Amino acid sequence: MTNTAPPKAYKFLTGTDDAAFCQRVSDALRDGYVLYGPPIMQVDANGQRHCGQAIVLAEFAATYSEN
């Protein structure tokens, strides 16, 4: 059975700061998402870096208004 649900308008990608995380962001951009705000990075107690990046589908970014 295939998933025919529409794509989510907003996603927040998280992961370790590595090539796999960068590839997930790149894949999402290729799939029609655009970056939404700056990336975040946090370093845990063990010194490992964790990243996050919000993304939205391009058609939703074009219609967003704070008012």
Protein backbone atom coordinates (compact mmCIF):
# COMPACT_ATOMS: atom_id res chain seq x y z
CA MET A 1 0.00 0.00 0.00
CA THR A 2 1.41 3.42 -0.96
CA ASN A 3 1.15 6.55 1.13
CA THR A 4 -0.96 9.12 -0.74
CA ALA A 5 -1.23 11.65 2.09
CA PRO A 6 -0.33 15.20 1.05
CA PRO A 7 3.08 16.43 2.23
CA LYS A 8 3.19 18.35 5.48
CA ALA A 9 3.32 22.13 5.03
CA TYR A 10 5.86 22.54 7.88
CA LYS A 11 8.62 20.30 9.16
CA PHE A 12 11.34 20.74 11.75
CA LEU A 13 14.33 18.58 10.90
CA THR A 14 16.67 17.60 13.72
CA GLY A 15 19.76 15.48 14.00
CA THR A 16 23.43 15.20 14.75
CA ASP A 17 25.59 17.74 12.92
CA ASP A 18 26.85 15.40 10.21
CA ALA A 19 26.63 14.73 6.49
CA ALA A 20 23.41 12.72 6.93
CA PHE A 21 21.61 15.72 8.46
CA CYS A 22 22.87 18.00 5.69
CA GLN A 23 21.65 15.48 3.11
CA ARG A 24 18.16 15.38 4.71
CA VAL A 25 17.93 19.17 4.45
CA SER A 26 19.18 19.08 0.84
CA ASP A 27 16.66 16.37 -0.06
CA ALA A 28 13.81 18.41 1.43
CA LEU A 29 14.87 21.48 -0.55
CA ARG A 30 14.91 19.37 -3.71
CA ASP A 31 11.38 18.16 -2.84
CA GLY A 32 10.00 21.71 -2.89
CA TYR A 33 10.59 22.89 0.69
CA VAL A 34 12.29 26.19 1.54
CA LEU A 35 14.22 27.14 4.66
CA TYR A 36 12.13 28.87 7.31
CA GLY A 37 14.28 30.87 9.71
CA PRO A 38 17.85 30.26 10.77
CA PRO A 39 19.24 26.86 11.74
CA ILE A 40 19.90 26.12 15.40
CA MET A 41 22.76 24.20 16.96
CA GLN A 42 23.15 22.90 20.48
CA VAL A 43 26.14 21.18 22.03
CA ASP A 44 25.33 18.53 24.62
CA ALA A 45 27.34 17.69 27.75
CA ASN A 46 29.43 15.20 25.75
CA GLY A 47 30.40 17.82 23.18
CA GLN A 48 28.20 16.36 20.44
CA ARG A 49 26.53 18.96 18.20
CA HIS A 50 22.83 18.69 17.37
CA CYS A 51 21.14 20.77 14.63
CA GLY A 52 17.63 21.81 13.77
CA GLN A 53 16.15 23.51 10.72
CA ALA A 54 12.56 24.51 10.05
CA ILE A 55 11.32 24.09 6.48
CA VAL A 56 8.01 24.87 4.76
CA LEU A 57 6.58 24.06 1.36
CA ALA A 58 7.29 26.95 -0.99
CA GLU A 59 3.61 27.72 -1.65
CA PHE A 60 2.99 28.21 2.09
CA ALA A 61 6.03 30.45 2.55
CA ALA A 62 4.78 32.74 -0.23
CA THR A 63 1.41 33.26 1.49
CA TYR A 64 2.53 33.65 5.11
CA SER A 65 1.81 36.91 6.90
CA GLU A 66 2.35 37.79 10.58
CA ASN A 67 -0.75 40.03 10.58
